[in-house]
PDB file of N, CA and C in Angstrom:
ATOM      1  N   MET A   1       0.653  -1.139  -0.288  1.00  0.00           N
ATOM      2  CA  MET A   1      -0.189   0.412  -0.137  1.00  0.00           C
ATOM      3  C   MET A   1       0.856   1.367  -0.006  1.00  0.00           C
ATOM      4  N   LYS A   2       1.788   0.934   0.966  1.00  0.00           N
ATOM      5  CA  LYS A   2       2.614   2.704   0.795  1.00  0.00           C
ATOM      6  C   LYS A   2       3.977   2.373  -0.067  1.00  0.00           C
ATOM      7  N   ALA A   3       3.989   1.742  -1.257  1.00  0.00           N
ATOM      8  CA  ALA A   3       4.510   1.636  -2.257  1.00  0.00           C
ATOM      9  C   ALA A   3       4.278   2.581  -3.471  1.00  0.00           C
ATOM     10  N   ASN A   4       2.670   2.306  -3.102  1.00  0.00           N
ATOM     11  CA  ASN A   4       1.984   2.890  -4.454  1.00  0.00           C
ATOM     12  C   ASN A   4       0.626   3.786  -3.947  1.00  0.00           C
ATOM     13  N   ALA A   5       0.779   5.497  -3.826  1.00  0.00           N
ATOM     14  CA  ALA A   5       0.045   5.900  -3.137  1.00  0.00           C
ATOM     15  C   ALA A   5      -1.685   6.005  -3.616  1.00  0.00           C
ATOM     16  N   GLY A   6      -1.346   5.427  -4.587  1.00  0.00           N
ATOM     17  CA  GLY A   6      -2.870   5.415  -5.065  1.00  0.00           C
ATOM     18  C   GLY A   6      -3.565   4.354  -4.751  1.00  0.00           C
ATOM     19  N   PHE A   7      -2.965   3.295  -4.762  1.00  0.00           N
ATOM     20  CA  PHE A   7      -3.762   1.849  -4.230  1.00  0.00           C
ATOM     21  C   PHE A   7      -4.796   1.906  -2.722  1.00  0.00           C
ATOM     22  N   GLU A   8      -4.354   2.731  -2.180  1.00  0.00           N
ATOM     23  CA  GLU A   8      -5.171   3.228  -0.596  1.00  0.00           C
ATOM     24  C   GLU A   8      -6.283   4.243  -0.920  1.00  0.00           C
ATOM     25  N   SER A   9      -5.995   4.855  -2.210  1.00  0.00           N
ATOM     26  CA  SER A   9      -7.695   5.247  -2.392  1.00  0.00           C
ATOM     27  C   SER A   9      -8.703   4.403  -3.157  1.00  0.00           C
ATOM     28  N   ARG A  10      -8.221   3.262  -3.903  1.00  0.00           N
ATOM     29  CA  ARG A  10      -8.871   2.653  -4.705  1.00  0.00           C
ATOM     30  C   ARG A  10      -9.055   1.382  -3.571  1.00  0.00           C
ATOM     31  N   ILE A  11      -8.521   0.732  -2.805  1.00  0.00           N
ATOM     32  CA  ILE A  11      -8.855  -0.497  -2.026  1.00  0.00           C
ATOM     33  C   ILE A  11      -9.126   0.389  -0.667  1.00  0.00           C
ATOM     34  N   GLN A  12     -10.967  -0.256  -0.412  1.00  0.00           N
ATOM     35  CA  GLN A  12     -11.701   0.640   0.721  1.00  0.00           C
ATOM     36  C   GLN A  12     -11.491  -0.330   2.259  1.00  0.00           C
ATOM     37  N   PHE A  13     -10.801  -1.485   1.811  1.00  0.00           N
ATOM     38  CA  PHE A  13     -10.632  -2.024   2.783  1.00  0.00           C
ATOM     39  C   PHE A  13      -9.099  -2.547   3.606  1.00  0.00           C
ATOM     40  N   ASP A  14      -8.632  -2.554   4.492  1.00  0.00           N
ATOM     41  CA  ASP A  14      -7.467  -3.433   5.255  1.00  0.00           C
ATOM     42  C   ASP A  14      -7.861  -4.722   5.856  1.00  0.00           C
ATOM     43  N   ILE A  15      -6.855  -5.886   5.771  1.00  0.00           N
ATOM     44  CA  ILE A  15      -6.906  -6.706   6.164  1.00  0.00           C
ATOM     45  C   ILE A  15      -5.726  -6.631   7.051  1.00  0.00           C
ATOM     46  N   LYS A  16      -5.663  -6.765   8.545  1.00  0.00           N
ATOM     47  CA  LYS A  16      -4.599  -6.748   9.248  1.00  0.00           C
ATOM     48  C   LYS A  16      -4.188  -8.295   9.679  1.00  0.00           C
ATOM     49  N   PHE A  17      -3.240  -8.642   9.528  1.00  0.00           N
ATOM     50  CA  PHE A  17      -2.729  -9.995  10.391  1.00  0.00           C
ATOM     51  C   PHE A  17      -1.669 -10.189  11.240  1.00  0.00           C
ATOM     52  N   GLU A  18      -2.595 -10.522  12.998  1.00  0.00           N
ATOM     53  CA  GLU A  18      -1.557 -10.373  13.846  1.00  0.00           C
ATOM     54  C   GLU A  18      -0.609 -10.928  13.731  1.00  0.00           C
ATOM     55  N   ASN A  19       0.607 -10.223  14.085  1.00  0.00           N
ATOM     56  CA  ASN A  19       1.925 -11.315  14.126  1.00  0.00           C
ATOM     57  C   ASN A  19       1.697 -12.915  15.008  1.00  0.00           C
ATOM     58  N   TYR A  20       2.620 -13.698  15.015  1.00  0.00           N
ATOM     59  CA  TYR A  20       2.756 -14.436  15.837  1.00  0.00           C
ATOM     60  C   TYR A  20       3.481 -14.284  17.178  1.00  0.00           C
ATOM     61  N   LYS A  21       3.010 -15.089  18.230  1.00  0.00           N
ATOM     62  CA  LYS A  21       3.962 -14.788  19.507  1.00  0.00           C
ATOM     63  C   LYS A  21       4.723 -15.743  19.492  1.00  0.00           C
ATOM     64  N   GLU A  22       5.954 -15.820  20.434  1.00  0.00           N
ATOM     65  CA  GLU A  22       7.189 -16.286  20.359  1.00  0.00           C
ATOM     66  C   GLU A  22       7.199 -18.076  20.413  1.00  0.00           C
ATOM     67  N   ALA A  23       5.670 -18.304  21.692  1.00  0.00           N
ATOM     68  CA  ALA A  23       5.461 -19.665  21.518  1.00  0.00           C
ATOM     69  C   ALA A  23       5.129 -20.724  20.514  1.00  0.00           C
ATOM     70  N   GLU A  24       4.411 -19.723  19.880  1.00  0.00           N
ATOM     71  CA  GLU A  24       3.254 -19.987  18.425  1.00  0.00           C
ATOM     72  C   GLU A  24       4.624 -20.131  17.280  1.00  0.00           C
ATOM     73  N   LEU A  25       5.424 -18.935  17.127  1.00  0.00           N
ATOM     74  CA  LEU A  25       6.534 -19.224  16.021  1.00  0.00           C
ATOM     75  C   LEU A  25       7.549 -20.615  16.477  1.00  0.00           C
ATOM     76  N   TYR A  26       7.197 -20.786  18.187  1.00  0.00           N
ATOM     77  CA  TYR A  26       8.405 -22.093  18.599  1.00  0.00           C
ATOM     78  C   TYR A  26       7.863 -23.104  17.917  1.00  0.00           C
ATOM     79  N   GLN A  27       6.452 -23.393  17.668  1.00  0.00           N
ATOM     80  CA  GLN A  27       6.009 -24.385  17.710  1.00  0.00           C
ATOM     81  C   GLN A  27       5.928 -24.354  16.405  1.00  0.00           C
ATOM     82  N   ILE A  28       5.553 -23.783  15.326  1.00  0.00           N
ATOM     83  CA  ILE A  28       5.845 -23.858  13.578  1.00  0.00           C
ATOM     84  C   ILE A  28       7.323 -23.977  13.251  1.00  0.00           C
ATOM     85  N   PHE A  29       8.278 -23.830  14.308  1.00  0.00           N
ATOM     86  CA  PHE A  29       9.361 -23.943  14.097  1.00  0.00           C
ATOM     87  C   PHE A  29       9.587 -25.674  14.234  1.00  0.00           C
ATOM     88  N   ILE A  30       9.051 -25.738  15.273  1.00  0.00           N
ATOM     89  CA  ILE A  30       9.118 -27.485  15.746  1.00  0.00           C
ATOM     90  C   ILE A  30       8.268 -28.592  14.470  1.00  0.00           C
ATOM     91  N   ASN A  31       7.385 -28.194  14.220  1.00  0.00           N
ATOM     92  CA  ASN A  31       6.607 -28.401  13.114  1.00  0.00           C
ATOM     93  C   ASN A  31       7.122 -28.500  11.836  1.00  0.00           C
ATOM     94  N   MET A  32       7.983 -27.245  11.606  1.00  0.00           N
ATOM     95  CA  MET A  32       8.645 -27.615  10.026  1.00  0.00           C
ATOM     96  C   MET A  32      10.136 -28.803  10.507  1.00  0.00           C
ATOM     97  N   LEU A  33      10.464 -28.697  11.333  1.00  0.00           N
ATOM     98  CA  LEU A  33      11.392 -30.097  12.071  1.00  0.00           C
ATOM     99  C   LEU A  33      11.136 -30.824  11.470  1.00  0.00           C
ATOM    100  N   LYS A  34      10.095 -31.201  12.030  1.00  0.00           N
ATOM    101  CA  LYS A  34       9.343 -32.444  12.134  1.00  0.00           C
ATOM    102  C   LYS A  34       9.253 -33.342  10.867  1.00  0.00           C
ATOM    103  N   GLN A  35       8.524 -32.165  10.056  1.00  0.00           N
ATOM    104  CA  GLN A  35       7.905 -32.757   8.574  1.00  0.00           C
ATOM    105  C   GLN A  35       9.172 -33.084   8.019  1.00  0.00           C
ATOM    106  N   GLU A  36      10.400 -32.581   8.498  1.00  0.00           N
ATOM    107  CA  GLU A  36      11.550 -33.112   7.682  1.00  0.00           C
ATOM    108  C   GLU A  36      12.618 -33.938   8.485  1.00  0.00           C
ATOM    109  N   GLY A  37      12.101 -34.677   9.478  1.00  0.00           N
ATOM    110  CA  GLY A  37      12.535 -35.685  10.001  1.00  0.00           C
ATOM    111  C   GLY A  37      13.842 -35.317  10.890  1.00  0.00           C
ATOM    112  N   PHE A  38      13.878 -34.114  11.342  1.00  0.00           N
ATOM    113  CA  PHE A  38      15.202 -33.490  12.598  1.00  0.00           C
ATOM    114  C   PHE A  38      14.169 -33.567  13.748  1.00  0.00           C
ATOM    115  N   LYS A  39      15.311 -33.981  14.884  1.00  0.00           N
ATOM    116  CA  LYS A  39      14.784 -33.967  16.699  1.00  0.00           C
ATOM    117  C   LYS A  39      15.495 -32.550  16.868  1.00  0.00           C
ATOM    118  N   LEU A  40      15.193 -32.051  18.065  1.00  0.00           N
ATOM    119  CA  LEU A  40      15.951 -31.322  18.570  1.00  0.00           C
ATOM    120  C   LEU A  40      16.751 -31.719  19.555  1.00  0.00           C
ATOM    121  N   SER A  41      17.531 -31.459  20.478  1.00  0.00           N
ATOM    122  CA  SER A  41      18.228 -31.914  21.884  1.00  0.00           C
ATOM    123  C   SER A  41      17.189 -30.948  22.510  1.00  0.00           C
ATOM    124  N   ARG A  42      16.869 -31.559  24.403  1.00  0.00           N
ATOM    125  CA  ARG A  42      16.604 -30.682  25.094  1.00  0.00           C
ATOM    126  C   ARG A  42      16.735 -29.510  25.253  1.00  0.00           C
ATOM    127  N   ASN A  43      17.658 -29.125  25.252  1.00  0.00           N
ATOM    128  CA  ASN A  43      18.353 -27.498  25.795  1.00  0.00           C
ATOM    129  C   ASN A  43      18.182 -26.605  24.723  1.00  0.00           C
ATOM    130  N   CYS A  44      17.268 -26.679  23.795  1.00  0.00           N
ATOM    131  CA  CYS A  44      17.053 -25.833  22.385  1.00  0.00           C
ATOM    132  C   CYS A  44      16.091 -24.692  22.663  1.00  0.00           C
ATOM    133  N   LYS A  45      15.182 -25.079  23.490  1.00  0.00           N
ATOM    134  CA  LYS A  45      13.769 -24.360  23.288  1.00  0.00           C
ATOM    135  C   LYS A  45      14.150 -23.317  23.756  1.00  0.00           C
ATOM    136  N   THR A  46      14.825 -22.969  24.705  1.00  0.00           N
ATOM    137  CA  THR A  46      14.930 -21.448  25.161  1.00  0.00           C
ATOM    138  C   THR A  46      15.627 -20.290  24.775  1.00  0.00           C
ATOM    139  N   ILE A  47      16.750 -20.876  23.627  1.00  0.00           N
ATOM    140  CA  ILE A  47      17.495 -20.234  22.780  1.00  0.00           C
ATOM    141  C   ILE A  47      16.375 -19.732  21.709  1.00  0.00           C
ATOM    142  N   VAL A  48      15.544 -20.714  21.043  1.00  0.00           N
ATOM    143  CA  VAL A  48      14.842 -20.612  20.189  1.00  0.00           C
ATOM    144  C   VAL A  48      13.993 -19.519  20.570  1.00  0.00           C
ATOM    145  N   GLU A  49      13.294 -19.819  21.417  1.00  0.00           N
ATOM    146  CA  GLU A  49      12.113 -18.541  21.946  1.00  0.00           C
ATOM    147  C   GLU A  49      12.635 -17.233  22.140  1.00  0.00           C
ATOM    148  N   ASP A  50      13.952 -17.510  23.066  1.00  0.00           N
ATOM    149  CA  ASP A  50      14.680 -16.094  23.220  1.00  0.00           C
ATOM    150  C   ASP A  50      15.109 -15.423  21.901  1.00  0.00           C
ATOM    151  N   TYR A  51      15.428 -15.841  20.771  1.00  0.00           N
ATOM    152  CA  TYR A  51      15.879 -15.432  19.621  1.00  0.00           C
ATOM    153  C   TYR A  51      14.603 -15.280  19.089  1.00  0.00           C
ATOM    154  N   PHE A  52      13.235 -15.935  18.655  1.00  0.00           N
ATOM    155  CA  PHE A  52      12.050 -15.127  18.842  1.00  0.00           C
ATOM    156  C   PHE A  52      11.682 -13.973  19.095  1.00  0.00           C
ATOM    157  N   LYS A  53      11.668 -13.667  20.469  1.00  0.00           N
ATOM    158  CA  LYS A  53      11.356 -12.655  21.150  1.00  0.00           C
ATOM    159  C   LYS A  53      11.913 -11.502  20.928  1.00  0.00           C
ATOM    160  N   ASN A  54      13.093 -11.590  20.935  1.00  0.00           N
ATOM    161  CA  ASN A  54      13.686 -10.661  20.637  1.00  0.00           C
ATOM    162  C   ASN A  54      13.988 -10.033  19.118  1.00  0.00           C
ATOM    163  N   GLU A  55      13.246 -10.781  18.206  1.00  0.00           N
ATOM    164  CA  GLU A  55      13.226 -10.395  16.718  1.00  0.00           C
ATOM    165  C   GLU A  55      11.820  -9.481  17.016  1.00  0.00           C
ATOM    166  N   ILE A  56      10.806 -10.095  17.965  1.00  0.00           N
ATOM    167  CA  ILE A  56       9.635  -9.431  17.850  1.00  0.00           C
ATOM    168  C   ILE A  56      10.136  -8.287  18.246  1.00  0.00           C
ATOM    169  N   ASN A  57      10.634  -8.215  19.471  1.00  0.00           N
ATOM    170  CA  ASN A  57      10.641  -6.935  19.798  1.00  0.00           C
ATOM    171  C   ASN A  57      11.534  -5.689  19.185  1.00  0.00           C
ATOM    172  N   ASN A  58      11.901  -6.367  18.409  1.00  0.00           N
ATOM    173  CA  ASN A  58      13.348  -5.752  17.536  1.00  0.00           C
ATOM    174  C   ASN A  58      12.226  -5.275  16.205  1.00  0.00           C
ATOM    175  N   SER A  59      10.852  -5.555  15.982  1.00  0.00           N
ATOM    176  CA  SER A  59      10.400  -5.749  14.476  1.00  0.00           C
ATOM    177  C   SER A  59      10.194  -4.364  13.845  1.00  0.00           C
ATOM    178  N   LYS A  60      10.162  -4.568  12.613  1.00  0.00           N
ATOM    179  CA  LYS A  60      10.087  -3.114  12.085  1.00  0.00           C
ATOM    180  C   LYS A  60       8.474  -3.642  11.796  1.00  0.00           C
ATOM    181  N   ASP A  61       7.734  -2.215  10.593  1.00  0.00           N
ATOM    182  CA  ASP A  61       6.783  -2.245  10.032  1.00  0.00           C
ATOM    183  C   ASP A  61       6.462  -3.426   9.245  1.00  0.00           C
ATOM    184  N   ASN A  62       7.308  -3.616   8.179  1.00  0.00           N
ATOM    185  CA  ASN A  62       6.904  -5.181   7.235  1.00  0.00           C
ATOM    186  C   ASN A  62       7.655  -6.324   8.098  1.00  0.00           C
ATOM    187  N   PHE A  63       7.743  -6.338   8.942  1.00  0.00           N
ATOM    188  CA  PHE A  63       8.285  -7.880  10.044  1.00  0.00           C
ATOM    189  C   PHE A  63       7.201  -8.738   9.524  1.00  0.00           C
ATOM    190  N   SER A  64       7.970 -10.134   8.869  1.00  0.00           N
ATOM    191  CA  SER A  64       7.203 -11.004   8.421  1.00  0.00           C
ATOM    192  C   SER A  64       7.528 -12.238   9.447  1.00  0.00           C
ATOM    193  N   ASN A  65       6.809 -12.508  10.207  1.00  0.00           N
ATOM    194  CA  ASN A  65       7.852 -13.464  11.559  1.00  0.00           C
ATOM    195  C   ASN A  65       7.558 -15.114  10.750  1.00  0.00           C
ATOM    196  N   GLY A  66       6.551 -15.358  10.411  1.00  0.00           N
ATOM    197  CA  GLY A  66       6.364 -16.436   9.666  1.00  0.00           C
ATOM    198  C   GLY A  66       7.702 -16.900   8.805  1.00  0.00           C
ATOM    199  N   ARG A  67       8.121 -16.033   7.747  1.00  0.00           N
ATOM    200  CA  ARG A  67       9.601 -15.993   7.345  1.00  0.00           C
ATOM    201  C   ARG A  67      10.548 -15.917   7.851  1.00  0.00           C
ATOM    202  N   LEU A  68      10.539 -15.730   9.347  1.00  0.00           N
ATOM    203  CA  LEU A  68      11.473 -15.847   9.978  1.00  0.00           C
ATOM    204  C   LEU A  68      12.046 -16.955  10.459  1.00  0.00           C
ATOM    205  N   VAL A  69      11.063 -17.758  11.000  1.00  0.00           N
ATOM    206  CA  VAL A  69      10.556 -19.081  11.135  1.00  0.00           C
ATOM    207  C   VAL A  69      11.393 -19.926  10.015  1.00  0.00           C
ATOM    208  N   ARG A  70      10.869 -19.610   8.766  1.00  0.00           N
ATOM    209  CA  ARG A  70      11.637 -20.735   7.519  1.00  0.00           C
ATOM    210  C   ARG A  70      12.971 -20.681   7.346  1.00  0.00           C
ATOM    211  N   ASN A  71      13.337 -18.914   7.925  1.00  0.00           N
ATOM    212  CA  ASN A  71      14.876 -18.195   7.311  1.00  0.00           C
ATOM    213  C   ASN A  71      15.820 -19.123   8.947  1.00  0.00           C
ATOM    214  N   LEU A  72      15.026 -18.862   9.720  1.00  0.00           N
ATOM    215  CA  LEU A  72      15.806 -19.563  10.941  1.00  0.00           C
ATOM    216  C   LEU A  72      16.301 -21.121  10.658  1.00  0.00           C
ATOM    217  N   THR A  73      15.367 -21.828  10.491  1.00  0.00           N
ATOM    218  CA  THR A  73      15.485 -23.438   9.722  1.00  0.00           C
ATOM    219  C   THR A  73      16.217 -23.429   9.480  1.00  0.00           C
ATOM    220  N   GLU A  74      16.251 -23.353   8.005  1.00  0.00           N
ATOM    221  CA  GLU A  74      17.304 -23.541   6.720  1.00  0.00           C
ATOM    222  C   GLU A  74      18.589 -22.721   7.473  1.00  0.00           C
ATOM    223  N   LYS A  75      18.764 -21.697   7.946  1.00  0.00           N
ATOM    224  CA  LYS A  75      20.213 -21.633   8.476  1.00  0.00           C
ATOM    225  C   LYS A  75      20.882 -22.799   9.185  1.00  0.00           C
ATOM    226  N   ILE A  76      19.745 -22.952  10.531  1.00  0.00           N
ATOM    227  CA  ILE A  76      20.215 -24.259  11.375  1.00  0.00           C
ATOM    228  C   ILE A  76      20.526 -25.625  10.787  1.00  0.00           C
ATOM    229  N   LYS A  77      19.720 -25.785   9.741  1.00  0.00           N
ATOM    230  CA  LYS A  77      19.689 -27.179   9.135  1.00  0.00           C
ATOM    231  C   LYS A  77      21.588 -27.017   8.430  1.00  0.00           C
ATOM    232  N   MET A  78      21.592 -25.786   7.521  1.00  0.00           N
ATOM    233  CA  MET A  78      23.012 -25.988   7.275  1.00  0.00           C
ATOM    234  C   MET A  78      23.975 -25.797   8.377  1.00  0.00           C
ATOM    235  N   GLU A  79      23.864 -25.385   9.545  1.00  0.00           N
ATOM    236  CA  GLU A  79      25.031 -25.305  10.548  1.00  0.00           C
ATOM    237  C   GLU A  79      25.114 -26.691  11.064  1.00  0.00           C
ATOM    238  N   GLN A  80      24.144 -27.385  10.934  1.00  0.00           N
ATOM    239  CA  GLN A  80      23.967 -28.724  11.768  1.00  0.00           C
ATOM    240  C   GLN A  80      24.910 -29.774  10.381  1.00  0.00           C
ATOM    241  N   ALA A  81      24.543 -29.817   9.422  1.00  0.00           N
ATOM    242  CA  ALA A  81      25.195 -30.950   8.035  1.00  0.00           C
ATOM    243  C   ALA A  81      26.561 -30.130   8.583  1.00  0.00           C
ATOM    244  N   ASN A  82      27.293 -28.812   8.299  1.00  0.00           N
ATOM    245  CA  ASN A  82      28.646 -28.519   9.159  1.00  0.00           C
ATOM    246  C   ASN A  82      29.209 -29.089  10.133  1.00  0.00           C
ATOM    247  N   ARG A  83      28.213 -29.292  10.822  1.00  0.00           N
ATOM    248  CA  ARG A  83      28.674 -29.962  12.227  1.00  0.00           C
ATOM    249  C   ARG A  83      29.088 -30.953  11.700  1.00  0.00           C
ATOM    250  N   ILE A  84      28.003 -32.007  11.405  1.00  0.00           N
ATOM    251  CA  ILE A  84      28.287 -33.045  10.955  1.00  0.00           C
ATOM    252  C   ILE A  84      29.358 -33.486  10.229  1.00  0.00           C
ATOM    253  N   ILE A  85      29.619 -32.588   9.421  1.00  0.00           N
ATOM    254  CA  ILE A  85      30.745 -33.436   8.381  1.00  0.00           C
ATOM    255  C   ILE A  85      32.264 -33.031   9.282  1.00  0.00           C
ATOM    256  N   LYS A  86      32.237 -32.052  10.220  1.00  0.00           N
ATOM    257  CA  LYS A  86      33.513 -31.974  10.843  1.00  0.00           C
ATOM    258  C   LYS A  86      33.465 -32.995  12.000  1.00  0.00           C
ATOM    259  N   GLU A  87      32.509 -32.984  12.309  1.00  0.00           N
ATOM    260  CA  GLU A  87      32.573 -34.415  13.732  1.00  0.00           C
ATOM    261  C   GLU A  87      32.424 -35.897  12.897  1.00  0.00           C
ATOM    262  N   LYS A  88      32.275 -35.711  11.771  1.00  0.00           N
ATOM    263  CA  LYS A  88      31.566 -36.943  11.040  1.00  0.00           C
ATOM    264  C   LYS A  88      30.944 -38.197  12.223  1.00  0.00           C
ATOM    265  N   SER A  89      29.729 -37.560  12.306  1.00  0.00           N
ATOM    266  CA  SER A  89      28.863 -37.661  13.509  1.00  0.00           C
ATOM    267  C   SER A  89      27.547 -38.573  12.876  1.00  0.00           C
ATOM    268  N   ASN A  90      26.714 -39.758  13.048  1.00  0.00           N
ATOM    269  CA  ASN A  90      26.015 -40.932  12.535  1.00  0.00           C
ATOM    270  C   ASN A  90      24.981 -39.798  12.538  1.00  0.00           C
ATOM    271  N   ASN A  91      24.689 -39.113  13.886  1.00  0.00           N
ATOM    272  CA  ASN A  91      23.167 -38.529  14.073  1.00  0.00           C
ATOM    273  C   ASN A  91      23.053 -37.350  13.270  1.00  0.00           C
ATOM    274  N   LEU A  92      22.405 -37.943  12.086  1.00  0.00           N
ATOM    275  CA  LEU A  92      22.092 -36.919  11.237  1.00  0.00           C
ATOM    276  C   LEU A  92      20.651 -36.303  11.425  1.00  0.00           C
ATOM    277  N   ASP A  93      20.269 -36.764  12.434  1.00  0.00           N
ATOM    278  CA  ASP A  93      18.581 -36.254  12.237  1.00  0.00           C
ATOM    279  C   ASP A  93      18.378 -35.217  13.590  1.00  0.00           C
ATOM    280  N   LEU A  94      19.906 -34.706  14.228  1.00  0.00           N
ATOM    281  CA  LEU A  94      20.037 -34.388  15.818  1.00  0.00           C
ATOM    282  C   LEU A  94      20.398 -33.150  15.962  1.00  0.00           C
ATOM    283  N   ILE A  95      19.393 -31.988  16.081  1.00  0.00           N
ATOM    284  CA  ILE A  95      20.104 -30.643  16.008  1.00  0.00           C
ATOM    285  C   ILE A  95      20.142 -30.302  17.681  1.00  0.00           C
ATOM    286  N   ILE A  96      21.304 -29.441  17.679  1.00  0.00           N
ATOM    287  CA  ILE A  96      22.001 -29.415  18.831  1.00  0.00           C
ATOM    288  C   ILE A  96      21.865 -28.181  19.088  1.00  0.00           C
ATOM    289  N   ALA A  97      22.222 -28.246  20.526  1.00  0.00           N
ATOM    290  CA  ALA A  97      21.901 -26.307  21.131  1.00  0.00           C
ATOM    291  C   ALA A  97      22.842 -25.568  20.120  1.00  0.00           C
ATOM    292  N   ASP A  98      24.070 -25.964  19.912  1.00  0.00           N
ATOM    293  CA  ASP A  98      25.249 -25.166  19.754  1.00  0.00           C
ATOM    294  C   ASP A  98      25.268 -25.224  17.994  1.00  0.00           C
ATOM    295  N   ASP A  99      24.132 -26.028  17.531  1.00  0.00           N
ATOM    296  CA  ASP A  99      23.786 -25.369  16.310  1.00  0.00           C
ATOM    297  C   ASP A  99      23.382 -24.156  16.288  1.00  0.00           C
ATOM    298  N   ILE A 100      21.961 -23.985  16.757  1.00  0.00           N
ATOM    299  CA  ILE A 100      20.833 -22.447  17.294  1.00  0.00           C
ATOM    300  C   ILE A 100      22.086 -21.585  17.675  1.00  0.00           C
ATOM    301  N   LYS A 101      23.140 -22.084  18.540  1.00  0.00           N
ATOM    302  CA  LYS A 101      23.661 -20.597  18.985  1.00  0.00           C
ATOM    303  C   LYS A 101      24.428 -20.435  17.844  1.00  0.00           C
ATOM    304  N   ALA A 102      25.352 -21.082  17.133  1.00  0.00           N
ATOM    305  CA  ALA A 102      26.201 -20.401  16.091  1.00  0.00           C
ATOM    306  C   ALA A 102      25.637 -19.326  14.882  1.00  0.00           C
ATOM    307  N   VAL A 103      24.426 -20.107  14.747  1.00  0.00           N
ATOM    308  CA  VAL A 103      23.338 -19.687  13.783  1.00  0.00           C
ATOM    309  C   VAL A 103      23.098 -18.120  14.239  1.00  0.00           C
ATOM    310  N   VAL A 104      22.534 -17.969  15.648  1.00  0.00           N
ATOM    311  CA  VAL A 104      22.098 -16.774  16.327  1.00  0.00           C
ATOM    312  C   VAL A 104      23.102 -15.751  16.516  1.00  0.00           C
ATOM    313  N   GLU A 105      24.302 -16.492  16.954  1.00  0.00           N
ATOM    314  CA  GLU A 105      25.269 -15.170  16.738  1.00  0.00           C
ATOM    315  C   GLU A 105      25.918 -14.810  15.308  1.00  0.00           C
ATOM    316  N   LYS A 106      26.074 -15.888  14.557  1.00  0.00           N
ATOM    317  CA  LYS A 106      25.799 -15.233  13.275  1.00  0.00           C
ATOM    318  C   LYS A 106      25.070 -14.025  12.759  1.00  0.00           C
ATOM    319  N   ILE A 107      24.019 -14.307  12.796  1.00  0.00           N
ATOM    320  CA  ILE A 107      22.883 -13.410  12.875  1.00  0.00           C
ATOM    321  C   ILE A 107      22.968 -12.188  13.399  1.00  0.00           C
ATOM    322  N   LYS A 108      23.233 -12.202  14.326  1.00  0.00           N
ATOM    323  CA  LYS A 108      23.835 -10.821  15.315  1.00  0.00           C
ATOM    324  C   LYS A 108      25.165 -10.107  14.970  1.00  0.00           C
ATOM    325  N   THR A 109      25.617 -10.806  14.348  1.00  0.00           N
ATOM    326  CA  THR A 109      26.918 -10.225  13.794  1.00  0.00           C
ATOM    327  C   THR A 109      26.551  -9.598  12.719  1.00  0.00           C
ATOM    328  N   LYS A 110      25.683 -10.597  11.774  1.00  0.00           N
ATOM    329  CA  LYS A 110      25.758  -9.608  10.470  1.00  0.00           C
ATOM    330  C   LYS A 110      24.904  -8.288  10.492  1.00  0.00           C
ATOM    331  N   SER A 111      23.671  -8.153  11.605  1.00  0.00           N
ATOM    332  CA  SER A 111      22.881  -6.864  11.675  1.00  0.00           C
ATOM    333  C   SER A 111      23.955  -5.755  12.075  1.00  0.00           C
ATOM    334  N   SER A 112      24.668  -6.142  13.316  1.00  0.00           N
ATOM    335  CA  SER A 112      25.424  -5.252  13.692  1.00  0.00           C
ATOM    336  C   SER A 112      26.141  -4.685  12.769  1.00  0.00           C
ATOM    337  N   ASN A 113      26.783  -5.464  11.665  1.00  0.00           N
ATOM    338  CA  ASN A 113      27.510  -5.121  10.635  1.00  0.00           C
ATOM    339  C   ASN A 113      27.109  -4.116   9.446  1.00  0.00           C
ATOM    340  N   ASN A 114      25.780  -3.872   9.631  1.00  0.00           N
ATOM    341  CA  ASN A 114      24.650  -3.319   8.847  1.00  0.00           C
ATOM    342  C   ASN A 114      24.630  -1.710   9.185  1.00  0.00           C
ATOM    343  N   ARG A 115      25.216  -1.211   9.878  1.00  0.00           N
ATOM    344  CA  ARG A 115      25.265   0.228   9.878  1.00  0.00           C
ATOM    345  C   ARG A 115      25.861   0.956   8.912  1.00  0.00           C
ATOM    346  N   ILE A 116      25.524   2.107   8.743  1.00  0.00           N
ATOM    347  CA  ILE A 116      25.772   2.744   8.119  1.00  0.00           C
ATOM    348  C   ILE A 116      26.027   4.118   9.123  1.00  0.00           C
ATOM    349  N   GLY A 117      27.032   4.900   8.479  1.00  0.00           N
ATOM    350  CA  GLY A 117      27.583   5.991   9.227  1.00  0.00           C
ATOM    351  C   GLY A 117      29.120   5.502   9.978  1.00  0.00           C
ATOM    352  N   PHE A 118      29.146   6.583  10.722  1.00  0.00           N
ATOM    353  CA  PHE A 118      30.576   6.473  11.806  1.00  0.00           C
ATOM    354  C   PHE A 118      30.554   5.647  13.425  1.00  0.00           C
ATOM    355  N   ARG A 119      31.426   5.056  13.840  1.00  0.00           N
ATOM    356  CA  ARG A 119      31.042   4.565  15.131  1.00  0.00           C
ATOM    357  C   ARG A 119      32.486   5.093  15.798  1.00  0.00           C
ATOM    358  N   VAL A 120      31.872   5.333  17.163  1.00  0.00           N
ATOM    359  CA  VAL A 120      32.641   6.072  17.724  1.00  0.00           C
ATOM    360  C   VAL A 120      33.274   5.046  19.132  1.00  0.00           C
TER     361      VAL A 120
END
């Protein structure tokens, strides 16, 4: 709507979609992993929910939290695959806390490097 000012005058209604809460995002995350045959180690839930909570709290107007789950899931699967290769592990379906922590840290580092301007 904001991309073309004429749209707002032509469309007489708005459909608002509420963002998911972190617990709902976590359930979507779990469902996506289950559909692909992955399991989470027991100590992952807090890490993932904290990540979602932080992203929700720092969201912008165009926030798409369903996409957030998909992107996180894909990055975690890649991190897990890299770990398995390095460790020569046979646990091909298990995602551990270190996989998730590594992805969250990379995301934080990337977003902090996207600044424009001078640093003091």
